[in-house]
C-alpha atoms as a PDB file:
ATOM      1  CA  UNK A   1     211.375 284.312 138.289  1.00  0.00           C
ATOM      2  CA  UNK A   2     208.961 282.888 135.697  1.00  0.00           C
ATOM      3  CA  UNK A   3     209.264 279.118 135.234  1.00  0.00           C
ATOM      4  CA  UNK A   4     206.357 278.635 132.825  1.00  0.00           C
ATOM      5  CA  UNK A   5     206.796 276.211 129.971  1.00  0.00           C
ATOM      6  CA  UNK A   6     206.234 278.122 126.715  1.00  0.00           C
ATOM      7  CA  UNK A   7     205.991 275.837 123.699  1.00  0.00           C
ATOM      8  CA  UNK A   8     206.212 278.707 121.223  1.00  0.00           C
ATOM      9  CA  UNK A   9     209.881 279.175 122.111  1.00  0.00           C
ATOM     10  CA  UNK A  10     210.724 275.848 120.439  1.00  0.00           C
ATOM     11  CA  UNK A  11     211.173 275.193 116.740  1.00  0.00           C
ATOM     12  CA  UNK A  12     208.345 273.410 114.886  1.00  0.00           C
ATOM     13  CA  UNK A  13     210.361 270.175 114.773  1.00  0.00           C
ATOM     14  CA  UNK A  14     210.976 270.202 118.516  1.00  0.00           C
ATOM     15  CA  UNK A  15     207.301 270.997 119.170  1.00  0.00           C
ATOM     16  CA  UNK A  16     206.306 268.086 116.936  1.00  0.00           C
ATOM     17  CA  UNK A  17     208.676 265.788 118.829  1.00  0.00           C
ATOM     18  CA  UNK A  18     207.240 266.977 122.155  1.00  0.00           C
ATOM     19  CA  UNK A  19     203.710 266.414 120.814  1.00  0.00           C
ATOM     20  CA  UNK A  20     204.553 262.862 119.696  1.00  0.00           C
ATOM     21  CA  UNK A  21     206.143 262.188 123.085  1.00  0.00           C
ATOM     22  CA  UNK A  22     203.083 263.425 124.983  1.00  0.00           C
ATOM     23  CA  UNK A  23     200.753 261.448 122.699  1.00  0.00           C
ATOM     24  CA  UNK A  24     202.794 258.233 122.951  1.00  0.00           C
ATOM     25  CA  UNK A  25     203.194 258.770 126.688  1.00  0.00           C
ATOM     26  CA  UNK A  26     199.433 259.051 127.119  1.00  0.00           C
ATOM     27  CA  UNK A  27     198.970 255.769 125.229  1.00  0.00           C
ATOM     28  CA  UNK A  28     201.623 254.136 127.397  1.00  0.00           C
ATOM     29  CA  UNK A  29     199.912 255.408 130.540  1.00  0.00           C
ATOM     30  CA  UNK A  30     196.562 253.993 129.362  1.00  0.00           C
ATOM     31  CA  UNK A  31     198.229 250.664 128.556  1.00  0.00           C
ATOM     32  CA  UNK A  32     199.803 250.525 132.007  1.00  0.00           C
ATOM     33  CA  UNK A  33     196.525 251.361 133.772  1.00  0.00           C
ATOM     34  CA  UNK A  34     194.512 248.847 131.694  1.00  0.00           C
ATOM     35  CA  UNK A  35     195.283 245.755 133.829  1.00  0.00           C
ATOM     36  CA  UNK A  36     195.221 247.724 137.103  1.00  0.00           C
ATOM     37  CA  UNK A  37     192.301 247.116 139.427  1.00  0.00           C
ATOM     38  CA  UNK A  38     192.135 249.920 141.963  1.00  0.00           C
ATOM     39  CA  UNK A  39     189.331 250.218 144.542  1.00  0.00           C
ATOM     40  CA  UNK A  40     186.353 252.044 143.069  1.00  0.00           C
ATOM     41  CA  UNK A  41     187.460 251.422 139.498  1.00  0.00           C
ATOM     42  CA  UNK A  42     185.636 248.135 139.080  1.00  0.00           C
ATOM     43  CA  UNK A  43     181.992 247.258 138.569  1.00  0.00           C
ATOM     44  CA  UNK A  44     180.999 243.574 138.560  1.00  0.00           C
ATOM     45  CA  UNK A  45     184.629 242.665 137.932  1.00  0.00           C
ATOM     46  CA  UNK A  46     184.907 244.975 134.897  1.00  0.00           C
ATOM     47  CA  UNK A  47     187.300 247.951 134.729  1.00  0.00           C
ATOM     48  CA  UNK A  48     187.250 250.995 132.417  1.00  0.00           C
ATOM     49  CA  UNK A  49     188.437 250.384 128.874  1.00  0.00           C
ATOM     50  CA  UNK A  50     191.261 252.938 128.876  1.00  0.00           C
ATOM     51  CA  UNK A  51     192.334 252.257 125.289  1.00  0.00           C
ATOM     52  CA  UNK A  52     188.783 252.754 124.023  1.00  0.00           C
ATOM     53  CA  UNK A  53     188.637 256.063 125.906  1.00  0.00           C
ATOM     54  CA  UNK A  54     191.928 257.091 124.281  1.00  0.00           C
ATOM     55  CA  UNK A  55     190.715 256.140 120.789  1.00  0.00           C
ATOM     56  CA  UNK A  56     187.563 258.222 121.305  1.00  0.00           C
ATOM     57  CA  UNK A  57     189.597 261.182 122.613  1.00  0.00           C
ATOM     58  CA  UNK A  58     191.903 260.948 119.592  1.00  0.00           C
ATOM     59  CA  UNK A  59     189.167 260.456 117.008  1.00  0.00           C
ATOM     60  CA  UNK A  60     186.824 263.253 118.079  1.00  0.00           C
ATOM     61  CA  UNK A  61     188.716 265.906 116.080  1.00  0.00           C
ATOM     62  CA  UNK A  62     190.288 263.669 113.455  1.00  0.00           C
ATOM     63  CA  UNK A  63     189.379 261.955 110.204  1.00  0.00           C
ATOM     64  CA  UNK A  64     187.909 258.467 109.997  1.00  0.00           C
ATOM     65  CA  UNK A  65     191.211 257.161 108.625  1.00  0.00           C
ATOM     66  CA  UNK A  66     193.153 258.620 111.556  1.00  0.00           C
ATOM     67  CA  UNK A  67     190.609 257.148 113.977  1.00  0.00           C
ATOM     68  CA  UNK A  68     190.876 253.757 112.273  1.00  0.00           C
ATOM     69  CA  UNK A  69     194.685 253.834 112.418  1.00  0.00           C
ATOM     70  CA  UNK A  70     194.615 254.687 116.132  1.00  0.00           C
ATOM     71  CA  UNK A  71     192.097 251.907 116.763  1.00  0.00           C
ATOM     72  CA  UNK A  72     194.218 249.468 114.775  1.00  0.00           C
ATOM     73  CA  UNK A  73     197.428 250.313 116.652  1.00  0.00           C
ATOM     74  CA  UNK A  74     195.821 250.258 120.099  1.00  0.00           C
ATOM     75  CA  UNK A  75     193.884 247.105 119.229  1.00  0.00           C
ATOM     76  CA  UNK A  76     197.145 245.361 118.383  1.00  0.00           C
ATOM     77  CA  UNK A  77     198.642 246.552 121.667  1.00  0.00           C
ATOM     78  CA  UNK A  78     195.643 245.272 123.619  1.00  0.00           C
ATOM     79  CA  UNK A  79     195.737 241.959 121.752  1.00  0.00           C
ATOM     80  CA  UNK A  80     199.412 241.696 122.676  1.00  0.00           C
ATOM     81  CA  UNK A  81     198.471 242.072 126.342  1.00  0.00           C
ATOM     82  CA  UNK A  82     195.585 239.606 126.201  1.00  0.00           C
ATOM     83  CA  UNK A  83     194.534 236.675 124.082  1.00  0.00           C
ATOM     84  CA  UNK A  84     194.428 237.635 120.391  1.00  0.00           C
ATOM     85  CA  UNK A  85     191.086 235.903 119.929  1.00  0.00           C
ATOM     86  CA  UNK A  86     188.697 237.590 119.872  1.00  0.00           C
ATOM     87  CA  UNK A  87     190.656 240.503 118.573  1.00  0.00           C
ATOM     88  CA  UNK A  88     190.334 244.012 119.977  1.00  0.00           C
ATOM     89  CA  UNK A  89     191.474 245.451 116.648  1.00  0.00           C
ATOM     90  CA  UNK A  90     188.044 245.173 115.015  1.00  0.00           C
ATOM     91  CA  UNK A  91     186.200 246.883 117.848  1.00  0.00           C
ATOM     92  CA  UNK A  92     188.719 249.708 118.300  1.00  0.00           C
ATOM     93  CA  UNK A  93     188.944 250.391 114.551  1.00  0.00           C
ATOM     94  CA  UNK A  94     185.144 250.609 114.431  1.00  0.00           C
ATOM     95  CA  UNK A  95     185.141 252.921 117.469  1.00  0.00           C
ATOM     96  CA  UNK A  96     187.741 255.181 115.840  1.00  0.00           C
ATOM     97  CA  UNK A  97     185.855 255.377 112.547  1.00  0.00           C
ATOM     98  CA  UNK A  98     182.412 255.916 114.105  1.00  0.00           C
ATOM     99  CA  UNK A  99     183.679 258.573 116.511  1.00  0.00           C
ATOM    100  CA  UNK A 100     185.451 260.467 113.729  1.00  0.00           C
ATOM    101  CA  UNK A 101     182.413 260.221 111.446  1.00  0.00           C
ATOM    102  CA  UNK A 102     180.074 261.841 113.950  1.00  0.00           C
ATOM    103  CA  UNK A 103     179.149 265.318 112.899  1.00  0.00           C
ATOM    104  CA  UNK A 104     180.206 266.743 116.217  1.00  0.00           C
ATOM    105  CA  UNK A 105     180.014 270.383 115.208  1.00  0.00           C
ATOM    106  CA  UNK A 106     176.358 269.968 114.257  1.00  0.00           C
ATOM    107  CA  UNK A 107     174.994 267.765 116.995  1.00  0.00           C
ATOM    108  CA  UNK A 108     177.406 267.525 119.871  1.00  0.00           C
ATOM    109  CA  UNK A 109     178.894 270.231 122.035  1.00  0.00           C
ATOM    110  CA  UNK A 110     182.403 269.338 123.111  1.00  0.00           C
ATOM    111  CA  UNK A 111     182.096 269.011 126.839  1.00  0.00           C
ATOM    112  CA  UNK A 112     182.428 266.319 129.467  1.00  0.00           C
ATOM    113  CA  UNK A 113     178.858 265.107 129.120  1.00  0.00           C
ATOM    114  CA  UNK A 114     178.947 264.652 125.350  1.00  0.00           C
ATOM    115  CA  UNK A 115     182.341 262.917 125.501  1.00  0.00           C
ATOM    116  CA  UNK A 116     181.036 260.642 128.264  1.00  0.00           C
ATOM    117  CA  UNK A 117     177.978 259.809 126.140  1.00  0.00           C
ATOM    118  CA  UNK A 118     180.142 259.057 123.110  1.00  0.00           C
ATOM    119  CA  UNK A 119     182.384 256.794 125.193  1.00  0.00           C
ATOM    120  CA  UNK A 120     179.309 255.081 126.684  1.00  0.00           C
ATOM    121  CA  UNK A 121     177.916 254.315 123.230  1.00  0.00           C
ATOM    122  CA  UNK A 122     181.266 253.251 121.805  1.00  0.00           C
ATOM    123  CA  UNK A 123     181.906 250.918 124.757  1.00  0.00           C
ATOM    124  CA  UNK A 124     178.599 249.173 124.006  1.00  0.00           C
ATOM    125  CA  UNK A 125     179.555 248.957 120.315  1.00  0.00           C
ATOM    126  CA  UNK A 126     183.008 247.551 121.135  1.00  0.00           C
ATOM    127  CA  UNK A 127     181.661 244.937 123.537  1.00  0.00           C
ATOM    128  CA  UNK A 128     178.993 243.938 121.004  1.00  0.00           C
ATOM    129  CA  UNK A 129     181.669 243.394 118.348  1.00  0.00           C
ATOM    130  CA  UNK A 130     183.585 241.253 120.838  1.00  0.00           C
ATOM    131  CA  UNK A 131     180.446 239.232 121.654  1.00  0.00           C
ATOM    132  CA  UNK A 132     179.828 238.645 117.935  1.00  0.00           C
ATOM    133  CA  UNK A 133     183.397 237.382 117.585  1.00  0.00           C
ATOM    134  CA  UNK A 134     182.844 235.004 120.511  1.00  0.00           C
ATOM    135  CA  UNK A 135     179.685 233.681 118.839  1.00  0.00           C
ATOM    136  CA  UNK A 136     181.688 232.836 115.699  1.00  0.00           C
ATOM    137  CA  UNK A 137     184.304 230.993 117.760  1.00  0.00           C
ATOM    138  CA  UNK A 138     181.656 228.482 118.866  1.00  0.00           C
ATOM    139  CA  UNK A 139     183.229 227.416 122.159  1.00  0.00           C
ATOM    140  CA  UNK A 140     180.275 228.715 124.234  1.00  0.00           C
ATOM    141  CA  UNK A 141     176.549 228.824 123.713  1.00  0.00           C
ATOM    142  CA  UNK A 142     174.929 231.979 122.376  1.00  0.00           C
ATOM    143  CA  UNK A 143     172.869 232.265 125.566  1.00  0.00           C
ATOM    144  CA  UNK A 144     176.051 232.362 127.687  1.00  0.00           C
ATOM    145  CA  UNK A 145     177.742 234.845 125.381  1.00  0.00           C
ATOM    146  CA  UNK A 146     174.841 237.290 125.265  1.00  0.00           C
ATOM    147  CA  UNK A 147     174.143 237.025 129.010  1.00  0.00           C
ATOM    148  CA  UNK A 148     177.783 237.882 129.710  1.00  0.00           C
ATOM    149  CA  UNK A 149     177.653 240.579 127.026  1.00  0.00           C
ATOM    150  CA  UNK A 150     174.896 242.478 128.813  1.00  0.00           C
ATOM    151  CA  UNK A 151     176.804 242.558 132.106  1.00  0.00           C
ATOM    152  CA  UNK A 152     180.158 243.362 130.500  1.00  0.00           C
ATOM    153  CA  UNK A 153     178.859 245.974 128.047  1.00  0.00           C
ATOM    154  CA  UNK A 154     176.874 247.885 130.656  1.00  0.00           C
ATOM    155  CA  UNK A 155     179.648 247.788 133.276  1.00  0.00           C
ATOM    156  CA  UNK A 156     182.327 248.784 130.770  1.00  0.00           C
ATOM    157  CA  UNK A 157     180.157 251.561 129.321  1.00  0.00           C
ATOM    158  CA  UNK A 158     179.325 253.041 132.722  1.00  0.00           C
ATOM    159  CA  UNK A 159     182.893 252.970 134.051  1.00  0.00           C
ATOM    160  CA  UNK A 160     184.539 254.074 130.805  1.00  0.00           C
ATOM    161  CA  UNK A 161     182.157 256.997 130.413  1.00  0.00           C
ATOM    162  CA  UNK A 162     182.737 258.105 134.003  1.00  0.00           C
ATOM    163  CA  UNK A 163     186.512 258.042 133.578  1.00  0.00           C
ATOM    164  CA  UNK A 164     186.547 259.461 130.024  1.00  0.00           C
ATOM    165  CA  UNK A 165     187.055 263.105 131.080  1.00  0.00           C
ATOM    166  CA  UNK A 166     190.232 262.133 132.953  1.00  0.00           C
ATOM    167  CA  UNK A 167     191.809 261.071 129.664  1.00  0.00           C
ATOM    168  CA  UNK A 168     189.957 263.358 127.266  1.00  0.00           C
ATOM    169  CA  UNK A 169     190.309 266.765 128.900  1.00  0.00           C
ATOM    170  CA  UNK A 170     194.112 267.005 129.243  1.00  0.00           C
ATOM    171  CA  UNK A 171     194.717 265.422 125.834  1.00  0.00           C
ATOM    172  CA  UNK A 172     192.162 267.638 124.133  1.00  0.00           C
ATOM    173  CA  UNK A 173     193.672 270.757 125.676  1.00  0.00           C
ATOM    174  CA  UNK A 174     197.176 269.631 124.679  1.00  0.00           C
ATOM    175  CA  UNK A 175     196.224 268.845 121.072  1.00  0.00           C
ATOM    176  CA  UNK A 176     194.281 272.100 120.806  1.00  0.00           C
ATOM    177  CA  UNK A 177     197.302 274.059 122.044  1.00  0.00           C
ATOM    178  CA  UNK A 178     199.565 272.264 119.567  1.00  0.00           C
ATOM    179  CA  UNK A 179     197.107 272.962 116.741  1.00  0.00           C
ATOM    180  CA  UNK A 180     197.029 276.672 117.623  1.00  0.00           C
ATOM    181  CA  UNK A 181     200.830 276.802 117.614  1.00  0.00           C
ATOM    182  CA  UNK A 182     200.915 275.148 114.167  1.00  0.00           C
ATOM    183  CA  UNK A 183     198.539 277.810 112.834  1.00  0.00           C
ATOM    184  CA  UNK A 184     200.696 280.712 114.031  1.00  0.00           C
END
């Protein structure tokens, strides 16, 4: 008896609904893991930025507009979970746009190492945007902000890049399979 799940047996509308469910479910899973602090998933009190990893995974094969929209939506979700100032929307929109704008086919092979490097760089970019927002708020000195920024940016970049394949690989395979089914 063969119990394999064959997506081609479903109509295009049902496949699209399944795809949206898997995509939304992956976002929900990242949102639920975001505040979780499991042993080995923290470095200097900083955990991986799961929503940033998701935005990078989404944006790698999409347009800048699609990356920006994903960053905007996930930034709003993260702001809803934390204090809205400084906002996560700006950093995640920038991450989505920059990731989508990379000429991946020319310079970057799509493997774990390149995705980890992209996530590493984008985590530094996102934390820098956050630090700039803190400097405009004026409630702390620039020296305090930039000292914290170095620790936070490096810790977040290291952890996020190490965990990026856990999010990227299954989503990339899923979206690739869905794209192939749309073409047939």
